[in-house]
Amino acid sequence: MIFVQSYMFMDDRLVPVHEWWGPVVDQRYIAGALELHINRVALLTTEMDDLIDQLWGYIISGLDEHVVNGREFRTLFPDQPIELCLSPSSDGKSIHASVDCNGIRSAVVGWSEFFDAILSAGELFFRQLIVIAPGCKPWHKETAALIPRIRTMARLR
């Protein structure tokens, strides 16, 4: 079981991106959080807030360049000393996800379940961001455009 949810700050409180109703005030600094729970293990939590658009960009790029091709991907959060690692199993049937933030948390999930959940959440995030931040950075649209290709590659594996 996997749960992925994106949040953005609105007046000092986190609001799920799909419930966001106002414009993004500072489109250069989009603060938020990403929740990622795999098999009841809370890998990423709302306490790990950061630049949510950049974090999503790192994740989508890492999936595209590494994970879907069977290679491990590691990244640090944009402004926090938090490391996310996504490691495909050698047989390509599962993903081992771990987060190093005051100790390591990890969980394993099936390949298809992982890609379905993470890509759907990323797609929702970028689709909503492009609407609520019309002056968004060009790379937001470029990153969103990677998602269908990653989805296809993940299904072919």
C-alpha atoms as a PDB file:
ATOM      1  CA  MET A   1       0.000   0.000   0.000  1.00  0.00           C
ATOM      2  CA  ILE A   2       1.322   3.448  -0.924  1.00  0.00           C
ATOM      3  CA  PHE A   3       0.077   6.927  -0.079  1.00  0.00           C
ATOM      4  CA  VAL A   4       1.450  10.080  -1.717  1.00  0.00           C
ATOM      5  CA  GLN A   5       0.147  13.588  -1.014  1.00  0.00           C
ATOM      6  CA  SER A   6       1.524  17.028  -1.933  1.00  0.00           C
ATOM      7  CA  TYR A   7       0.951  20.129   0.173  1.00  0.00           C
ATOM      8  CA  MET A   8       1.667  23.827  -0.204  1.00  0.00           C
ATOM      9  CA  PHE A   9       1.762  26.491   2.469  1.00  0.00           C
ATOM     10  CA  MET A  10      -1.140  28.923   2.596  1.00  0.00           C
ATOM     11  CA  ASP A  11      -1.001  31.388   5.497  1.00  0.00           C
ATOM     12  CA  ASP A  12       1.362  29.219   7.561  1.00  0.00           C
ATOM     13  CA  ARG A  13      -0.668  26.032   7.169  1.00  0.00           C
ATOM     14  CA  LEU A  14      -0.240  23.142   4.789  1.00  0.00           C
ATOM     15  CA  VAL A  15      -3.040  22.652   2.305  1.00  0.00           C
ATOM     16  CA  PRO A  16      -3.283  19.609   0.021  1.00  0.00           C
ATOM     17  CA  VAL A  17      -2.471  20.771  -3.496  1.00  0.00           C
ATOM     18  CA  HIS A  18      -5.761  19.435  -4.878  1.00  0.00           C
ATOM     19  CA  GLU A  19      -7.617  21.710  -2.376  1.00  0.00           C
ATOM     20  CA  TRP A  20      -5.597  24.835  -3.153  1.00  0.00           C
ATOM     21  CA  TRP A  21      -7.874  27.698  -4.121  1.00  0.00           C
ATOM     22  CA  GLY A  22      -5.721  30.812  -4.285  1.00  0.00           C
ATOM     23  CA  PRO A  23      -2.864  32.023  -6.414  1.00  0.00           C
ATOM     24  CA  VAL A  24       0.710  31.256  -5.411  1.00  0.00           C
ATOM     25  CA  VAL A  25       2.001  34.493  -3.900  1.00  0.00           C
ATOM     26  CA  ASP A  26       5.743  33.933  -4.404  1.00  0.00           C
ATOM     27  CA  GLN A  27       6.234  31.737  -7.440  1.00  0.00           C
ATOM     28  CA  ARG A  28      10.016  31.777  -6.927  1.00  0.00           C
ATOM     29  CA  TYR A  29       9.760  30.069  -3.532  1.00  0.00           C
ATOM     30  CA  ILE A  30       6.999  27.455  -3.464  1.00  0.00           C
ATOM     31  CA  ALA A  31       7.090  25.984   0.010  1.00  0.00           C
ATOM     32  CA  GLY A  32       5.261  22.807   0.887  1.00  0.00           C
ATOM     33  CA  ALA A  33       5.658  19.194   1.859  1.00  0.00           C
ATOM     34  CA  LEU A  34       5.339  15.742   0.405  1.00  0.00           C
ATOM     35  CA  GLU A  35       3.946  12.781   2.277  1.00  0.00           C
ATOM     36  CA  LEU A  36       5.055   9.324   1.208  1.00  0.00           C
ATOM     37  CA  HIS A  37       3.880   6.290   3.147  1.00  0.00           C
ATOM     38  CA  ILE A  38       4.709   2.788   1.945  1.00  0.00           C
ATOM     39  CA  ASN A  39       3.179  -0.191   3.726  1.00  0.00           C
ATOM     40  CA  ARG A  40       2.371   2.008   6.739  1.00  0.00           C
ATOM     41  CA  VAL A  41       5.920   3.332   6.999  1.00  0.00           C
ATOM     42  CA  ALA A  42       5.938   7.147   6.939  1.00  0.00           C
ATOM     43  CA  LEU A  43       8.988   7.863   4.800  1.00  0.00           C
ATOM     44  CA  LEU A  44       8.210  11.515   4.055  1.00  0.00           C
ATOM     45  CA  THR A  45       6.016  13.577   6.363  1.00  0.00           C
ATOM     46  CA  THR A  46       4.607  17.093   6.502  1.00  0.00           C
ATOM     47  CA  GLU A  47       7.277  17.979   9.065  1.00  0.00           C
ATOM     48  CA  MET A  48       9.835  17.704   6.228  1.00  0.00           C
ATOM     49  CA  ASP A  49       8.712  20.878   4.481  1.00  0.00           C
ATOM     50  CA  ASP A  50      10.835  22.358   1.722  1.00  0.00           C
ATOM     51  CA  LEU A  51      10.609  23.787  -1.802  1.00  0.00           C
ATOM     52  CA  ILE A  52       7.951  21.374  -3.022  1.00  0.00           C
ATOM     53  CA  ASP A  53       8.182  22.182  -6.732  1.00  0.00           C
ATOM     54  CA  GLN A  54      11.929  21.598  -6.733  1.00  0.00           C
ATOM     55  CA  LEU A  55      11.595  18.395  -4.719  1.00  0.00           C
ATOM     56  CA  TRP A  56       9.026  17.054  -7.179  1.00  0.00           C
ATOM     57  CA  GLY A  57      11.345  18.081 -10.026  1.00  0.00           C
ATOM     58  CA  TYR A  58      14.204  16.116  -8.472  1.00  0.00           C
ATOM     59  CA  ILE A  59      12.007  13.046  -8.001  1.00  0.00           C
ATOM     60  CA  ILE A  60      10.529  13.041 -11.510  1.00  0.00           C
ATOM     61  CA  SER A  61      13.956  13.599 -13.087  1.00  0.00           C
ATOM     62  CA  GLY A  62      15.436  10.806 -10.974  1.00  0.00           C
ATOM     63  CA  LEU A  63      12.693   8.421 -11.999  1.00  0.00           C
ATOM     64  CA  ASP A  64      13.261   9.325 -15.642  1.00  0.00           C
ATOM     65  CA  GLU A  65      17.058   9.167 -15.655  1.00  0.00           C
ATOM     66  CA  HIS A  66      17.701   6.363 -13.180  1.00  0.00           C
ATOM     67  CA  VAL A  67      14.946   4.325 -11.569  1.00  0.00           C
ATOM     68  CA  VAL A  68      12.927   3.408 -14.658  1.00  0.00           C
ATOM     69  CA  ASN A  69      16.222   2.206 -16.162  1.00  0.00           C
ATOM     70  CA  GLY A  70      16.935  -0.048 -13.190  1.00  0.00           C
ATOM     71  CA  ARG A  71      19.440   2.242 -11.455  1.00  0.00           C
ATOM     72  CA  GLU A  72      19.427   3.620  -7.932  1.00  0.00           C
ATOM     73  CA  PHE A  73      18.567   7.291  -7.456  1.00  0.00           C
ATOM     74  CA  ARG A  74      19.596   9.450  -4.507  1.00  0.00           C
ATOM     75  CA  THR A  75      18.793  13.100  -3.914  1.00  0.00           C
ATOM     76  CA  LEU A  76      18.867  15.612  -1.135  1.00  0.00           C
ATOM     77  CA  PHE A  77      15.964  17.924  -0.438  1.00  0.00           C
ATOM     78  CA  PRO A  78      16.505  21.429  -1.883  1.00  0.00           C
ATOM     79  CA  ASP A  79      16.952  23.193   1.490  1.00  0.00           C
ATOM     80  CA  GLN A  80      17.105  20.377   4.054  1.00  0.00           C
ATOM     81  CA  PRO A  81      19.692  17.725   4.939  1.00  0.00           C
ATOM     82  CA  ILE A  82      17.200  14.977   4.073  1.00  0.00           C
ATOM     83  CA  GLU A  83      18.173  12.260   1.606  1.00  0.00           C
ATOM     84  CA  LEU A  84      15.702  10.235  -0.454  1.00  0.00           C
ATOM     85  CA  CYS A  85      16.909   7.020  -2.077  1.00  0.00           C
ATOM     86  CA  LEU A  86      14.945   4.886  -4.564  1.00  0.00           C
ATOM     87  CA  SER A  87      16.495   1.529  -5.453  1.00  0.00           C
ATOM     88  CA  PRO A  88      14.940  -0.866  -7.961  1.00  0.00           C
ATOM     89  CA  SER A  89      15.337  -4.540  -7.148  1.00  0.00           C
ATOM     90  CA  SER A  90      17.605  -6.523  -9.447  1.00  0.00           C
ATOM     91  CA  ASP A  91      14.604  -8.409 -10.862  1.00  0.00           C
ATOM     92  CA  GLY A  92      12.707  -5.157 -11.518  1.00  0.00           C
ATOM     93  CA  LYS A  93       9.680  -6.230  -9.476  1.00  0.00           C
ATOM     94  CA  SER A  94       9.975  -3.827  -6.553  1.00  0.00           C
ATOM     95  CA  ILE A  95      11.368  -0.535  -5.321  1.00  0.00           C
ATOM     96  CA  HIS A  96      13.201  -0.097  -2.028  1.00  0.00           C
ATOM     97  CA  ALA A  97      12.594   3.451  -0.808  1.00  0.00           C
ATOM     98  CA  SER A  98      14.514   4.978   2.070  1.00  0.00           C
ATOM     99  CA  VAL A  99      14.773   8.374   3.686  1.00  0.00           C
ATOM    100  CA  ASP A 100      17.620   9.557   5.888  1.00  0.00           C
ATOM    101  CA  CYS A 101      16.349  12.218   8.277  1.00  0.00           C
ATOM    102  CA  ASN A 102      17.471  11.780  11.891  1.00  0.00           C
ATOM    103  CA  GLY A 103      17.726   8.065  11.182  1.00  0.00           C
ATOM    104  CA  ILE A 104      16.846   5.894   8.221  1.00  0.00           C
ATOM    105  CA  ARG A 105      13.303   4.812   7.420  1.00  0.00           C
ATOM    106  CA  SER A 106      12.731   2.348   4.618  1.00  0.00           C
ATOM    107  CA  ALA A 107      10.094   0.230   2.918  1.00  0.00           C
ATOM    108  CA  VAL A 108       9.660  -1.951  -0.143  1.00  0.00           C
ATOM    109  CA  VAL A 109       6.768  -1.732  -2.592  1.00  0.00           C
ATOM    110  CA  GLY A 110       5.928  -3.370  -5.901  1.00  0.00           C
ATOM    111  CA  TRP A 111       7.255  -1.728  -9.063  1.00  0.00           C
ATOM    112  CA  SER A 112       3.863  -1.070 -10.690  1.00  0.00           C
ATOM    113  CA  GLU A 113       2.224   0.108  -7.484  1.00  0.00           C
ATOM    114  CA  PHE A 114       5.080   2.544  -6.836  1.00  0.00           C
ATOM    115  CA  PHE A 115       5.107   4.042 -10.319  1.00  0.00           C
ATOM    116  CA  ASP A 116       1.303   4.281 -10.518  1.00  0.00           C
ATOM    117  CA  ALA A 117       1.102   6.140  -7.200  1.00  0.00           C
ATOM    118  CA  ILE A 118       4.124   8.428  -7.494  1.00  0.00           C
ATOM    119  CA  LEU A 119       3.465   9.421 -11.112  1.00  0.00           C
ATOM    120  CA  SER A 120      -0.223  10.089 -10.461  1.00  0.00           C
ATOM    121  CA  ALA A 121       0.672  12.302  -7.495  1.00  0.00           C
ATOM    122  CA  GLY A 122       3.380  14.103  -9.475  1.00  0.00           C
ATOM    123  CA  GLU A 123       1.023  14.642 -12.382  1.00  0.00           C
ATOM    124  CA  LEU A 124      -1.639  16.074 -10.056  1.00  0.00           C
ATOM    125  CA  PHE A 125       0.920  18.370  -8.429  1.00  0.00           C
ATOM    126  CA  PHE A 126       2.262  19.820 -11.676  1.00  0.00           C
ATOM    127  CA  ARG A 127      -1.156  20.051 -13.336  1.00  0.00           C
ATOM    128  CA  GLN A 128      -2.470  22.047 -10.363  1.00  0.00           C
ATOM    129  CA  LEU A 129       0.692  24.146 -10.075  1.00  0.00           C
ATOM    130  CA  ILE A 130       0.487  25.224 -13.708  1.00  0.00           C
ATOM    131  CA  VAL A 131      -3.092  26.439 -13.065  1.00  0.00           C
ATOM    132  CA  ILE A 132      -2.494  28.253  -9.765  1.00  0.00           C
ATOM    133  CA  ALA A 133       0.892  29.685 -10.777  1.00  0.00           C
ATOM    134  CA  PRO A 134       0.384  30.739 -14.403  1.00  0.00           C
ATOM    135  CA  GLY A 135       3.770  32.463 -14.441  1.00  0.00           C
ATOM    136  CA  CYS A 136       5.430  29.225 -13.390  1.00  0.00           C
ATOM    137  CA  LYS A 137       8.943  28.326 -14.359  1.00  0.00           C
ATOM    138  CA  PRO A 138       9.399  26.694 -17.789  1.00  0.00           C
ATOM    139  CA  TRP A 139      10.889  23.584 -16.182  1.00  0.00           C
ATOM    140  CA  HIS A 140       7.579  22.923 -14.386  1.00  0.00           C
ATOM    141  CA  LYS A 141       5.917  22.204 -17.729  1.00  0.00           C
ATOM    142  CA  GLU A 142       8.968  20.318 -18.998  1.00  0.00           C
ATOM    143  CA  THR A 143       8.987  18.110 -15.895  1.00  0.00           C
ATOM    144  CA  ALA A 144       5.244  17.467 -16.173  1.00  0.00           C
ATOM    145  CA  ALA A 145       5.787  16.431 -19.794  1.00  0.00           C
ATOM    146  CA  LEU A 146       8.202  13.667 -18.668  1.00  0.00           C
ATOM    147  CA  ILE A 147       5.532  11.848 -16.663  1.00  0.00           C
ATOM    148  CA  PRO A 148       3.682  10.095 -19.538  1.00  0.00           C
ATOM    149  CA  ARG A 149       6.985   8.820 -20.946  1.00  0.00           C
ATOM    150  CA  ILE A 150       8.112   7.525 -17.547  1.00  0.00           C
ATOM    151  CA  ARG A 151       4.743   5.816 -17.091  1.00  0.00           C
ATOM    152  CA  THR A 152       5.113   4.065 -20.459  1.00  0.00           C
ATOM    153  CA  MET A 153       8.690   3.001 -19.751  1.00  0.00           C
ATOM    154  CA  ALA A 154       7.743   1.689 -16.294  1.00  0.00           C
ATOM    155  CA  ARG A 155       4.955  -0.445 -17.792  1.00  0.00           C
ATOM    156  CA  LEU A 156       7.262  -1.891 -20.454  1.00  0.00           C
ATOM    157  CA  ARG A 157       9.806  -3.047 -17.892  1.00  0.00           C
END
